[in-house]
Amino acid sequence: MTDRTIDKIAWILLDGGRVLSTRSRGKDVYYLPGGKREPGESDVRTLVREVKEELTVDVLPETAAHLGTWEAQAHGHAGGVTVRMTCYTADHTGTPAPSSEIEEIAWLGYADRGRVSPVDQLIFDDLHAAGRLR
C-alpha cells in the first residue's frame, strides 16, 4: 500500500434491503460507517472503535465476518489518491445514533447510489447484484 492509498475499515449493516450509511458534518456524500486504523490496530479492533465513535453502538467482535475489499478514487482527494475499503458484517448491541462527528445517519437503498462516495458505489453495485441491496 502506498501513501496514495487510504486504508479504511467499514461496517455493512443491512436491514430490509437497505444499508446503514453516515454523513459527516460538512460532507456532501454518505459513507459506510467506519474509518482509518490506528497504528498496530487490527481490522476488527478498528471496526469496533470506529463504529462506537460514530454511532454509539458496540460491534460484537466475535461476530465480525469479512464481506469484501473494494478500491476506488478517494472522494474529495486529488486524482490518483485511492481508498481501500475492507468491509465487515457484524452483530451489535445498542441503537445506532449519530455521534458528534456525524451529522446524519440514513438507511439507503440502491436508488441512493448517487449519494454515496465512489468506493461505496462499487459496494452498492455488488450488494445489489447479490440481491442484498434493493
N, C-alpha and C. Protein backbone atom coordinates (compact mmCIF):
# COMPACT_ATOMS: atom_id res chain seq x y z
N MET A 1 0.86 -1.19 0.00
CA MET A 1 0.00 0.00 0.00
C MET A 1 0.90 1.24 0.00
N THR A 2 0.57 2.18 -0.86
CA THR A 2 1.36 3.41 -0.95
C THR A 2 0.73 4.49 -0.10
N ASP A 3 1.45 5.62 0.01
CA ASP A 3 0.89 6.73 0.76
C ASP A 3 -0.22 7.42 -0.03
N ARG A 4 -0.49 6.92 -1.24
CA ARG A 4 -1.58 7.45 -2.04
C ARG A 4 -2.83 6.56 -1.92
N THR A 5 -2.78 5.63 -0.98
CA THR A 5 -3.92 4.76 -0.70
C THR A 5 -4.35 4.97 0.74
N ILE A 6 -5.62 5.27 0.94
CA ILE A 6 -6.19 5.45 2.27
C ILE A 6 -6.80 4.10 2.68
N ASP A 7 -6.35 3.58 3.79
CA ASP A 7 -6.78 2.27 4.29
C ASP A 7 -7.92 2.47 5.27
N LYS A 8 -9.12 2.01 4.89
CA LYS A 8 -10.29 2.19 5.75
C LYS A 8 -10.97 0.85 6.01
N ILE A 9 -11.61 0.78 7.16
CA ILE A 9 -12.41 -0.38 7.57
C ILE A 9 -13.85 0.10 7.68
N ALA A 10 -14.80 -0.67 7.16
CA ALA A 10 -16.20 -0.23 7.20
C ALA A 10 -17.12 -1.36 7.65
N TRP A 11 -18.25 -0.94 8.21
CA TRP A 11 -19.28 -1.85 8.70
C TRP A 11 -20.45 -1.85 7.73
N ILE A 12 -20.85 -3.04 7.32
CA ILE A 12 -22.02 -3.21 6.47
C ILE A 12 -23.16 -3.73 7.35
N LEU A 13 -24.14 -2.87 7.61
CA LEU A 13 -25.32 -3.27 8.38
C LEU A 13 -26.51 -3.16 7.44
N LEU A 14 -27.03 -4.32 7.07
CA LEU A 14 -28.17 -4.39 6.14
C LEU A 14 -29.45 -4.70 6.90
N ASP A 15 -30.54 -4.09 6.46
CA ASP A 15 -31.86 -4.34 7.06
C ASP A 15 -32.91 -4.07 6.00
N GLY A 16 -33.65 -5.10 5.65
CA GLY A 16 -34.75 -4.93 4.71
C GLY A 16 -34.30 -4.41 3.35
N GLY A 17 -33.13 -4.83 2.90
CA GLY A 17 -32.64 -4.41 1.59
C GLY A 17 -32.04 -3.01 1.56
N ARG A 18 -31.80 -2.45 2.73
CA ARG A 18 -31.15 -1.13 2.82
C ARG A 18 -29.89 -1.27 3.68
N VAL A 19 -28.96 -0.33 3.51
CA VAL A 19 -27.70 -0.36 4.26
C VAL A 19 -27.56 0.94 5.06
N LEU A 20 -27.07 0.80 6.28
CA LEU A 20 -26.87 1.96 7.14
C LEU A 20 -25.68 2.78 6.63
N SER A 21 -25.89 4.08 6.44
CA SER A 21 -24.84 4.98 5.97
C SER A 21 -24.81 6.22 6.84
N THR A 22 -23.66 6.90 6.81
CA THR A 22 -23.48 8.09 7.64
C THR A 22 -23.01 9.26 6.78
N ARG A 23 -23.36 10.46 7.23
CA ARG A 23 -22.84 11.67 6.58
C ARG A 23 -22.20 12.52 7.67
N SER A 24 -20.90 12.76 7.51
CA SER A 24 -20.16 13.56 8.48
C SER A 24 -20.49 15.03 8.32
N ARG A 25 -20.29 15.79 9.38
CA ARG A 25 -20.52 17.23 9.33
C ARG A 25 -19.69 17.85 8.22
N GLY A 26 -20.34 18.70 7.41
CA GLY A 26 -19.65 19.40 6.34
C GLY A 26 -19.42 18.59 5.08
N LYS A 27 -19.85 17.34 5.04
CA LYS A 27 -19.67 16.49 3.85
C LYS A 27 -20.96 16.47 3.04
N ASP A 28 -20.80 16.20 1.74
CA ASP A 28 -21.96 16.21 0.85
C ASP A 28 -22.35 14.82 0.37
N VAL A 29 -21.64 13.79 0.81
CA VAL A 29 -21.98 12.42 0.43
C VAL A 29 -22.03 11.55 1.69
N TYR A 30 -22.68 10.40 1.52
CA TYR A 30 -22.76 9.42 2.61
C TYR A 30 -21.62 8.41 2.48
N TYR A 31 -21.22 7.89 3.62
CA TYR A 31 -20.19 6.87 3.69
C TYR A 31 -20.69 5.73 4.57
N LEU A 32 -20.19 4.54 4.33
CA LEU A 32 -20.45 3.45 5.25
C LEU A 32 -19.75 3.76 6.57
N PRO A 33 -20.34 3.39 7.70
CA PRO A 33 -19.69 3.66 8.99
C PRO A 33 -18.33 2.97 9.07
N GLY A 34 -17.36 3.65 9.65
CA GLY A 34 -16.03 3.09 9.81
C GLY A 34 -14.99 4.18 9.72
N GLY A 35 -13.75 3.77 9.51
CA GLY A 35 -12.69 4.76 9.41
C GLY A 35 -11.32 4.13 9.31
N LYS A 36 -10.31 4.97 9.54
CA LYS A 36 -8.91 4.56 9.40
C LYS A 36 -8.42 3.88 10.66
N ARG A 37 -7.53 2.91 10.45
CA ARG A 37 -6.96 2.20 11.59
C ARG A 37 -5.88 3.03 12.27
N GLU A 38 -5.73 2.82 13.56
CA GLU A 38 -4.63 3.39 14.33
C GLU A 38 -3.42 2.47 14.13
N PRO A 39 -2.20 2.96 14.33
CA PRO A 39 -1.01 2.11 14.17
C PRO A 39 -1.12 0.83 15.00
N GLY A 40 -0.87 -0.29 14.34
CA GLY A 40 -0.87 -1.59 15.02
C GLY A 40 -2.25 -2.17 15.28
N GLU A 41 -3.30 -1.48 14.88
CA GLU A 41 -4.66 -1.93 15.16
C GLU A 41 -5.12 -2.96 14.11
N SER A 42 -5.80 -4.00 14.55
CA SER A 42 -6.35 -4.99 13.64
C SER A 42 -7.60 -4.43 12.96
N ASP A 43 -8.04 -5.11 11.90
CA ASP A 43 -9.27 -4.71 11.23
C ASP A 43 -10.45 -4.68 12.20
N VAL A 44 -10.61 -5.76 12.96
CA VAL A 44 -11.77 -5.87 13.85
C VAL A 44 -11.71 -4.82 14.96
N ARG A 45 -10.53 -4.58 15.51
CA ARG A 45 -10.40 -3.55 16.56
C ARG A 45 -10.75 -2.17 15.99
N THR A 46 -10.30 -1.90 14.77
CA THR A 46 -10.64 -0.63 14.10
C THR A 46 -12.15 -0.53 13.93
N LEU A 47 -12.76 -1.60 13.48
CA LEU A 47 -14.21 -1.63 13.26
C LEU A 47 -14.96 -1.31 14.55
N VAL A 48 -14.60 -1.99 15.63
CA VAL A 48 -15.27 -1.79 16.91
C VAL A 48 -15.11 -0.34 17.38
N ARG A 49 -13.90 0.19 17.31
CA ARG A 49 -13.63 1.55 17.79
C ARG A 49 -14.35 2.60 16.93
N GLU A 50 -14.23 2.49 15.63
CA GLU A 50 -14.83 3.50 14.74
C GLU A 50 -16.35 3.51 14.82
N VAL A 51 -16.96 2.33 14.85
CA VAL A 51 -18.43 2.27 14.91
C VAL A 51 -18.92 2.84 16.24
N LYS A 52 -18.20 2.55 17.32
CA LYS A 52 -18.57 3.12 18.63
C LYS A 52 -18.47 4.65 18.58
N GLU A 53 -17.37 5.17 17.99
CA GLU A 53 -17.18 6.62 17.90
C GLU A 53 -18.25 7.29 17.06
N GLU A 54 -18.65 6.66 15.95
CA GLU A 54 -19.58 7.29 15.02
C GLU A 54 -21.04 7.08 15.38
N LEU A 55 -21.38 5.88 15.86
CA LEU A 55 -22.80 5.51 16.01
C LEU A 55 -23.21 5.12 17.42
N THR A 56 -22.29 5.16 18.36
CA THR A 56 -22.54 4.86 19.77
C THR A 56 -23.09 3.46 20.04
N VAL A 57 -22.78 2.50 19.14
CA VAL A 57 -23.17 1.10 19.37
C VAL A 57 -21.92 0.26 19.52
N ASP A 58 -22.10 -0.91 20.12
CA ASP A 58 -21.00 -1.83 20.32
C ASP A 58 -21.08 -2.97 19.31
N VAL A 59 -20.11 -3.03 18.40
CA VAL A 59 -19.98 -4.16 17.49
C VAL A 59 -19.45 -5.34 18.30
N LEU A 60 -20.02 -6.50 18.08
CA LEU A 60 -19.59 -7.71 18.79
C LEU A 60 -18.46 -8.34 17.97
N PRO A 61 -17.20 -8.20 18.42
CA PRO A 61 -16.05 -8.59 17.60
C PRO A 61 -16.07 -10.05 17.17
N GLU A 62 -16.59 -10.92 18.01
CA GLU A 62 -16.59 -12.34 17.66
C GLU A 62 -17.54 -12.66 16.51
N THR A 63 -18.42 -11.73 16.15
CA THR A 63 -19.36 -11.96 15.04
C THR A 63 -18.89 -11.32 13.74
N ALA A 64 -17.77 -10.59 13.76
CA ALA A 64 -17.30 -9.89 12.56
C ALA A 64 -16.91 -10.89 11.47
N ALA A 65 -17.41 -10.65 10.27
CA ALA A 65 -17.10 -11.51 9.12
C ALA A 65 -16.73 -10.62 7.93
N HIS A 66 -15.59 -10.91 7.32
CA HIS A 66 -15.12 -10.13 6.17
C HIS A 66 -16.09 -10.33 5.01
N LEU A 67 -16.60 -9.23 4.46
CA LEU A 67 -17.53 -9.29 3.34
C LEU A 67 -16.82 -9.06 2.02
N GLY A 68 -15.79 -8.23 2.03
CA GLY A 68 -15.06 -7.95 0.80
C GLY A 68 -14.21 -6.71 0.97
N THR A 69 -13.35 -6.47 -0.02
CA THR A 69 -12.49 -5.30 -0.05
C THR A 69 -12.62 -4.65 -1.42
N TRP A 70 -12.85 -3.34 -1.41
CA TRP A 70 -13.04 -2.59 -2.64
C TRP A 70 -12.06 -1.42 -2.67
N GLU A 71 -11.73 -0.96 -3.88
CA GLU A 71 -10.81 0.16 -4.02
C GLU A 71 -11.32 1.09 -5.12
N ALA A 72 -11.23 2.41 -4.87
CA ALA A 72 -11.69 3.41 -5.84
C ALA A 72 -11.01 4.75 -5.54
N GLN A 73 -11.20 5.69 -6.45
CA GLN A 73 -10.73 7.06 -6.24
C GLN A 73 -11.33 7.57 -4.92
N ALA A 74 -10.50 8.22 -4.11
CA ALA A 74 -10.96 8.75 -2.82
C ALA A 74 -11.75 10.03 -3.05
N HIS A 75 -12.96 10.07 -2.53
CA HIS A 75 -13.83 11.25 -2.66
C HIS A 75 -13.18 12.46 -2.00
N GLY A 76 -13.14 13.58 -2.72
CA GLY A 76 -12.63 14.82 -2.15
C GLY A 76 -11.11 14.90 -2.12
N HIS A 77 -10.42 13.95 -2.75
CA HIS A 77 -8.95 13.95 -2.78
C HIS A 77 -8.48 14.12 -4.22
N ALA A 78 -7.22 14.48 -4.37
CA ALA A 78 -6.62 14.66 -5.70
C ALA A 78 -6.68 13.35 -6.49
N GLY A 79 -6.68 13.48 -7.81
CA GLY A 79 -6.67 12.30 -8.67
C GLY A 79 -5.50 11.40 -8.32
N GLY A 80 -5.70 10.10 -8.38
CA GLY A 80 -4.65 9.15 -8.07
C GLY A 80 -4.60 8.74 -6.61
N VAL A 81 -5.35 9.43 -5.74
CA VAL A 81 -5.44 9.01 -4.34
C VAL A 81 -6.63 8.06 -4.25
N THR A 82 -6.35 6.85 -3.82
CA THR A 82 -7.42 5.85 -3.75
C THR A 82 -7.74 5.52 -2.29
N VAL A 83 -8.90 4.95 -2.12
CA VAL A 83 -9.28 4.42 -0.80
C VAL A 83 -9.49 2.92 -0.97
N ARG A 84 -8.93 2.16 -0.03
CA ARG A 84 -9.16 0.71 0.03
C ARG A 84 -10.08 0.48 1.22
N MET A 85 -11.28 -0.01 0.93
CA MET A 85 -12.31 -0.19 1.95
C MET A 85 -12.49 -1.69 2.21
N THR A 86 -12.07 -2.12 3.40
CA THR A 86 -12.24 -3.50 3.82
C THR A 86 -13.50 -3.55 4.67
N CYS A 87 -14.49 -4.31 4.21
CA CYS A 87 -15.83 -4.28 4.82
C CYS A 87 -16.14 -5.57 5.58
N TYR A 88 -16.82 -5.37 6.69
CA TYR A 88 -17.23 -6.47 7.57
C TYR A 88 -18.71 -6.34 7.90
N THR A 89 -19.34 -7.48 8.06
CA THR A 89 -20.65 -7.52 8.71
C THR A 89 -20.37 -7.91 10.15
N ALA A 90 -21.26 -7.54 11.05
CA ALA A 90 -21.11 -7.92 12.46
C ALA A 90 -22.39 -7.59 13.19
N ASP A 91 -22.68 -8.38 14.21
CA ASP A 91 -23.80 -8.07 15.10
C ASP A 91 -23.39 -6.93 16.02
N HIS A 92 -24.38 -6.32 16.66
CA HIS A 92 -24.10 -5.19 17.55
C HIS A 92 -25.14 -5.13 18.65
N THR A 93 -24.80 -4.36 19.69
CA THR A 93 -25.77 -4.04 20.73
C THR A 93 -25.95 -2.53 20.74
N GLY A 94 -27.17 -2.12 21.05
CA GLY A 94 -27.48 -0.69 21.06
C GLY A 94 -28.20 -0.28 19.78
N THR A 95 -28.68 0.95 19.78
CA THR A 95 -29.38 1.51 18.62
C THR A 95 -28.50 2.57 17.98
N PRO A 96 -28.20 2.42 16.68
CA PRO A 96 -27.34 3.42 16.02
C PRO A 96 -27.90 4.84 16.16
N ALA A 97 -27.04 5.74 16.59
CA ALA A 97 -27.38 7.15 16.72
C ALA A 97 -26.15 7.97 16.35
N PRO A 98 -26.33 9.09 15.67
CA PRO A 98 -25.16 9.87 15.25
C PRO A 98 -24.41 10.46 16.43
N SER A 99 -23.08 10.35 16.41
CA SER A 99 -22.24 10.96 17.43
C SER A 99 -21.96 12.41 17.03
N SER A 100 -21.07 13.06 17.75
CA SER A 100 -20.78 14.47 17.48
C SER A 100 -20.17 14.70 16.10
N GLU A 101 -19.43 13.70 15.55
CA GLU A 101 -18.81 13.91 14.25
C GLU A 101 -19.75 13.58 13.08
N ILE A 102 -20.87 12.96 13.38
CA ILE A 102 -21.81 12.54 12.34
C ILE A 102 -23.02 13.48 12.33
N GLU A 103 -23.29 14.03 11.17
CA GLU A 103 -24.44 14.93 11.01
C GLU A 103 -25.74 14.15 10.89
N GLU A 104 -25.67 13.01 10.18
CA GLU A 104 -26.90 12.29 9.85
C GLU A 104 -26.59 10.83 9.57
N ILE A 105 -27.52 9.96 9.97
CA ILE A 105 -27.46 8.57 9.54
C ILE A 105 -28.71 8.31 8.71
N ALA A 106 -28.58 7.38 7.75
CA ALA A 106 -29.70 7.08 6.85
C ALA A 106 -29.60 5.64 6.40
N TRP A 107 -30.76 5.05 6.17
CA TRP A 107 -30.85 3.72 5.57
C TRP A 107 -31.03 3.93 4.08
N LEU A 108 -30.02 3.55 3.30
CA LEU A 108 -30.03 3.81 1.86
C LEU A 108 -30.24 2.54 1.07
N GLY A 109 -30.96 2.68 -0.03
CA GLY A 109 -31.17 1.58 -0.97
C GLY A 109 -30.36 1.84 -2.24
N TYR A 110 -30.50 0.94 -3.21
CA TYR A 110 -29.71 1.07 -4.43
C TYR A 110 -30.04 2.35 -5.19
N ALA A 111 -31.26 2.83 -5.06
CA ALA A 111 -31.64 4.09 -5.74
C ALA A 111 -30.85 5.28 -5.22
N ASP A 112 -30.24 5.15 -4.04
CA ASP A 112 -29.46 6.23 -3.43
C ASP A 112 -27.98 6.16 -3.83
N ARG A 113 -27.62 5.30 -4.76
CA ARG A 113 -26.22 5.07 -5.15
C ARG A 113 -25.49 6.38 -5.46
N GLY A 114 -26.14 7.33 -6.09
CA GLY A 114 -25.52 8.60 -6.46
C GLY A 114 -25.22 9.51 -5.28
N ARG A 115 -25.68 9.15 -4.10
CA ARG A 115 -25.50 9.98 -2.89
C ARG A 115 -24.33 9.52 -2.03
N VAL A 116 -23.61 8.47 -2.49
CA VAL A 116 -22.51 7.91 -1.69
C VAL A 116 -21.17 8.09 -2.41
N SER A 117 -20.08 7.88 -1.68
CA SER A 117 -18.73 8.04 -2.22
C SER A 117 -18.47 7.01 -3.32
N PRO A 118 -17.45 7.26 -4.17
CA PRO A 118 -17.17 6.32 -5.27
C PRO A 118 -16.92 4.87 -4.82
N VAL A 119 -16.17 4.66 -3.76
CA VAL A 119 -15.93 3.28 -3.32
C VAL A 119 -17.24 2.66 -2.80
N ASP A 120 -18.06 3.45 -2.13
CA ASP A 120 -19.35 2.93 -1.66
C ASP A 120 -20.25 2.59 -2.85
N GLN A 121 -20.13 3.31 -3.96
CA GLN A 121 -20.92 2.99 -5.16
C GLN A 121 -20.58 1.59 -5.66
N LEU A 122 -19.30 1.22 -5.63
CA LEU A 122 -18.89 -0.13 -6.03
C LEU A 122 -19.48 -1.17 -5.09
N ILE A 123 -19.47 -0.88 -3.81
CA ILE A 123 -20.03 -1.79 -2.80
C ILE A 123 -21.54 -1.92 -3.02
N PHE A 124 -22.22 -0.79 -3.26
CA PHE A 124 -23.66 -0.82 -3.54
C PHE A 124 -23.93 -1.71 -4.76
N ASP A 125 -23.12 -1.59 -5.81
CA ASP A 125 -23.31 -2.40 -7.02
C ASP A 125 -23.23 -3.89 -6.68
N ASP A 126 -22.21 -4.28 -5.92
CA ASP A 126 -22.04 -5.69 -5.59
C ASP A 126 -23.13 -6.21 -4.66
N LEU A 127 -23.52 -5.41 -3.67
CA LEU A 127 -24.62 -5.79 -2.77
C LEU A 127 -25.92 -5.94 -3.55
N HIS A 128 -26.15 -5.04 -4.50
CA HIS A 128 -27.36 -5.09 -5.33
C HIS A 128 -27.35 -6.33 -6.21
N ALA A 129 -26.20 -6.60 -6.85
CA ALA A 129 -26.08 -7.78 -7.73
C ALA A 129 -26.31 -9.08 -6.95
N ALA A 130 -25.93 -9.08 -5.67
CA ALA A 130 -26.09 -10.26 -4.83
C ALA A 130 -27.51 -10.36 -4.23
N GLY A 131 -28.36 -9.37 -4.54
CA GLY A 131 -29.73 -9.37 -4.04
C GLY A 131 -29.87 -8.92 -2.60
N ARG A 132 -28.82 -8.29 -2.06
CA ARG A 132 -28.84 -7.86 -0.65
C ARG A 132 -29.22 -6.40 -0.47
N LEU A 133 -29.15 -5.61 -1.56
CA LEU A 133 -29.49 -4.18 -1.51
C LEU A 133 -30.52 -3.92 -2.59
N ARG A 134 -31.68 -3.37 -2.17
CA ARG A 134 -32.76 -3.13 -3.13
C ARG A 134 -32.78 -1.69 -3.60
